[in-house]
């Protein structure tokens, strides 16, 4: 998961659990990850991360950099306000304390859904199942197949301890677009409700 900034007491860089990454690999090898950490936990051939890290490193920000056109891109970005809106790599995301009105910087970069929707290559993304949101409908229209995870919530991994965290407050959805839609359906169908997306 993206770690463009982890400047608040609330962790924003939870990692995708290894068992889920294995499901992704069962669809196709992971060619690139636009929102990971320097240690590249999913083992993508090419990746973006805030900290430079050897071969395969493309730059600090997958929002501003081009996504490779060849191979499967797996993306699991920071959630909440980082997902929606236009692609703005430098936009700061703040949280305001309702009582004290004090603002805390959560991170930098918004528009992950729009970035994925604009990508013409093969793509598999793990995001919240916010079915009523504008961004969910936007990504649905650009995907071949969508899996609404069942049971709905996927717990993520603390990168410092390797321990799986508590169940998140949101359900999960997996979006796929590309030439391996049948394979994606076969791999993910046991894990959720499969829907045909709007992309033909």
Protein backbone atom coordinates (compact mmCIF):
# COMPACT_ATOMS: atom_id res chain seq x y z
CA UNK A 1 0.00 0.00 0.00
CA UNK A 2 1.12 3.51 -0.77
CA UNK A 3 3.36 5.31 1.69
CA UNK A 4 3.70 8.75 0.10
CA UNK A 5 3.47 10.18 3.59
CA UNK A 6 3.00 8.75 7.05
CA UNK A 7 3.02 11.95 9.01
CA UNK A 8 0.16 11.34 11.44
CA UNK A 9 -0.25 9.03 14.41
CA UNK A 10 -2.73 7.03 12.34
CA UNK A 11 -0.90 4.54 10.14
CA UNK A 12 -1.52 5.14 6.44
CA UNK A 13 0.88 2.58 4.93
CA UNK A 14 -0.68 -0.77 5.73
CA UNK A 15 0.56 -3.55 3.45
CA UNK A 16 -1.48 -5.98 1.38
CA UNK A 17 -1.58 -9.42 3.06
CA UNK A 18 0.68 -11.99 1.33
CA UNK A 19 -2.18 -14.43 0.70
CA UNK A 20 -3.98 -11.76 -1.35
CA UNK A 21 -0.83 -11.03 -3.34
CA UNK A 22 -0.69 -14.75 -4.21
CA UNK A 23 -4.22 -14.50 -5.62
CA UNK A 24 -3.08 -11.60 -7.79
CA UNK A 25 -0.11 -13.62 -9.01
CA UNK A 26 -2.46 -16.47 -9.89
CA UNK A 27 -4.05 -14.11 -12.43
CA UNK A 28 -0.74 -12.91 -13.90
CA UNK A 29 2.80 -11.99 -12.77
CA UNK A 30 2.91 -8.56 -11.15
CA UNK A 31 4.81 -6.36 -13.59
CA UNK A 32 4.50 -3.08 -11.68
CA UNK A 33 3.16 -1.51 -8.49
CA UNK A 34 2.58 2.26 -8.60
CA UNK A 35 2.00 2.65 -4.85
CA UNK A 36 4.32 0.63 -2.67
CA UNK A 37 7.22 1.05 -0.24
CA UNK A 38 10.94 0.87 -0.94
CA UNK A 39 11.09 -2.77 0.13
CA UNK A 40 8.55 -3.61 -2.62
CA UNK A 41 6.68 -6.29 -0.61
CA UNK A 42 4.64 -7.58 -3.56
CA UNK A 43 7.80 -8.23 -5.56
CA UNK A 44 6.78 -6.18 -8.60
CA UNK A 45 9.31 -5.99 -11.43
CA UNK A 46 8.85 -2.20 -11.64
CA UNK A 47 7.54 0.07 -8.91
CA UNK A 48 7.14 3.59 -7.55
CA UNK A 49 7.98 4.34 -3.91
CA UNK A 50 8.81 7.46 -1.94
CA UNK A 51 12.29 6.11 -1.15
CA UNK A 52 14.62 5.00 -3.97
CA UNK A 53 15.33 1.28 -3.92
CA UNK A 54 17.54 -0.36 -6.52
CA UNK A 55 16.57 -2.07 -9.78
CA UNK A 56 13.01 -1.57 -10.94
CA UNK A 57 12.49 1.73 -9.10
CA UNK A 58 10.68 4.16 -11.42
CA UNK A 59 10.42 7.22 -9.18
CA UNK A 60 8.85 8.59 -6.00
CA UNK A 61 5.20 8.87 -7.07
CA UNK A 62 2.96 6.64 -9.14
CA UNK A 63 0.45 9.47 -9.41
CA UNK A 64 2.81 11.67 -11.37
CA UNK A 65 4.77 8.97 -13.19
CA UNK A 66 3.60 7.00 -16.20
CA UNK A 67 2.34 3.48 -15.60
CA UNK A 68 3.99 0.84 -17.82
CA UNK A 69 1.77 -0.32 -20.67
CA UNK A 70 2.97 -3.93 -20.58
CA UNK A 71 2.10 -6.48 -17.91
CA UNK A 72 -0.20 -6.48 -14.89
CA UNK A 73 -0.20 -3.46 -12.62
CA UNK A 74 -1.33 -4.18 -9.05
CA UNK A 75 -2.32 -1.17 -6.98
CA UNK A 76 -3.57 -0.86 -3.40
CA UNK A 77 -3.22 2.83 -2.52
CA UNK A 78 -3.98 4.78 0.63
CA UNK A 79 -7.74 5.05 1.13
CA UNK A 80 -10.14 7.81 2.13
CA UNK A 81 -9.56 11.21 0.50
CA UNK A 82 -6.52 9.92 -1.39
CA UNK A 83 -8.78 7.94 -3.75
CA UNK A 84 -11.20 10.49 -5.17
CA UNK A 85 -10.95 13.59 -7.31
CA UNK A 86 -8.58 14.61 -10.06
CA UNK A 87 -5.03 13.30 -10.24
CA UNK A 88 -3.07 15.74 -8.07
CA UNK A 89 0.27 14.27 -6.98
CA UNK A 90 1.25 17.25 -4.82
CA UNK A 91 -2.09 17.91 -3.14
CA UNK A 92 -1.83 17.72 0.66
CA UNK A 93 -4.48 15.80 2.58
CA UNK A 94 -5.34 17.15 6.04
CA UNK A 95 -7.48 15.90 8.90
CA UNK A 96 -9.13 18.43 11.23
CA UNK A 97 -9.76 17.60 14.88
CA UNK A 98 -13.44 18.39 15.48
CA UNK A 99 -12.82 19.57 19.04
CA UNK A 100 -9.56 21.49 18.79
CA UNK A 101 -9.78 22.39 15.08
CA UNK A 102 -6.11 21.44 14.86
CA UNK A 103 -5.06 20.14 11.45
CA UNK A 104 -2.83 17.12 10.91
CA UNK A 105 -1.16 16.31 7.62
CA UNK A 106 -2.12 12.76 6.62
CA UNK A 107 -0.26 12.54 3.33
CA UNK A 108 0.23 13.86 -0.17
CA UNK A 109 -1.42 12.96 -3.46
CA UNK A 110 -5.04 12.42 -4.51
CA UNK A 111 -6.84 10.91 -7.48
CA UNK A 112 -5.71 7.27 -7.40
CA UNK A 113 -9.01 6.09 -8.86
CA UNK A 114 -8.82 8.52 -11.76
CA UNK A 115 -5.20 7.53 -12.41
CA UNK A 116 -6.23 3.86 -12.60
CA UNK A 117 -9.27 4.65 -14.74
CA UNK A 118 -7.08 6.45 -17.28
CA UNK A 119 -4.63 3.56 -17.51
CA UNK A 120 -5.08 1.58 -20.72
CA UNK A 121 -3.01 -1.45 -19.70
CA UNK A 122 -3.78 -4.46 -17.53
CA UNK A 123 -4.73 -3.45 -14.02
CA UNK A 124 -5.88 -5.05 -10.75
CA UNK A 125 -6.77 -2.83 -7.81
CA UNK A 126 -7.90 -3.43 -4.22
CA UNK A 127 -10.01 -0.61 -2.78
CA UNK A 128 -12.98 -0.08 -0.43
CA UNK A 129 -16.39 -1.16 -1.70
CA UNK A 130 -17.90 2.33 -1.63
CA UNK A 131 -20.60 1.44 -4.15
CA UNK A 132 -22.47 4.73 -3.75
CA UNK A 133 -19.48 6.95 -4.44
CA UNK A 134 -18.75 8.75 -7.67
CA UNK A 135 -15.23 7.33 -7.83
CA UNK A 136 -16.53 3.75 -7.46
CA UNK A 137 -18.84 4.22 -10.43
CA UNK A 138 -16.01 5.80 -12.43
CA UNK A 139 -13.70 2.84 -11.86
CA UNK A 140 -16.54 0.35 -12.41
CA UNK A 141 -17.14 1.86 -15.86
CA UNK A 142 -13.46 1.34 -16.75
CA UNK A 143 -13.17 -2.26 -15.49
CA UNK A 144 -13.91 -5.59 -17.15
CA UNK A 145 -14.74 -7.53 -13.96
CA UNK A 146 -15.31 -6.53 -10.32
CA UNK A 147 -15.23 -8.76 -7.25
CA UNK A 148 -17.17 -7.61 -4.18
CA UNK A 149 -15.25 -9.47 -1.48
CA UNK A 150 -17.29 -11.87 0.67
CA UNK A 151 -16.98 -11.79 3.61
CA UNK A 152 -16.48 -8.15 2.87
CA UNK A 153 -13.47 -6.96 4.86
CA UNK A 154 -9.79 -7.64 4.25
CA UNK A 155 -7.41 -6.90 7.14
CA UNK A 156 -4.01 -5.43 6.24
CA UNK A 157 -0.51 -5.95 7.63
CA UNK A 158 1.49 -3.60 9.86
CA UNK A 159 4.79 -3.19 7.94
CA UNK A 160 6.77 -2.65 11.16
CA UNK A 161 5.63 -5.78 12.97
CA UNK A 162 4.33 -8.04 10.20
CA UNK A 163 1.18 -8.54 12.26
CA UNK A 164 -2.27 -8.43 10.67
CA UNK A 165 -4.30 -5.51 11.97
CA UNK A 166 -7.92 -5.37 13.03
CA UNK A 167 -10.76 -5.67 10.53
CA UNK A 168 -11.21 -2.32 8.76
CA UNK A 169 -14.49 -0.42 8.86
CA UNK A 170 -15.06 -0.81 5.12
CA UNK A 171 -15.80 -3.75 2.84
CA UNK A 172 -13.39 -4.50 0.00
CA UNK A 173 -13.69 -4.61 -3.78
CA UNK A 174 -11.26 -5.84 -6.41
CA UNK A 175 -11.28 -4.23 -9.87
CA UNK A 176 -9.76 -5.86 -12.93
CA UNK A 177 -9.22 -4.59 -16.45
CA UNK A 178 -7.25 -6.38 -19.13
CA UNK A 179 -6.91 -9.43 -21.36
CA UNK A 180 -7.08 -12.00 -18.55
CA UNK A 181 -10.65 -11.29 -17.41
CA UNK A 182 -11.65 -14.97 -17.59
CA UNK A 183 -8.63 -15.95 -15.49
CA UNK A 184 -9.43 -13.18 -12.98
CA UNK A 185 -13.00 -14.48 -12.73
CA UNK A 186 -11.83 -18.05 -12.11
CA UNK A 187 -9.34 -17.03 -9.41
CA UNK A 188 -11.53 -14.57 -7.53
CA UNK A 189 -14.99 -16.10 -7.97
CA UNK A 190 -14.63 -18.31 -4.83
CA UNK A 191 -13.99 -15.16 -2.78
CA UNK A 192 -16.87 -12.88 -3.63
CA UNK A 193 -19.70 -11.67 -5.80
CA UNK A 194 -18.52 -11.23 -9.38
CA UNK A 195 -19.89 -8.40 -11.50
CA UNK A 196 -19.29 -7.52 -15.11
CA UNK A 197 -17.85 -4.03 -15.33
CA UNK A 198 -18.64 -1.37 -17.89
CA UNK A 199 -15.55 -1.88 -20.04
CA UNK A 200 -16.01 -3.99 -23.18
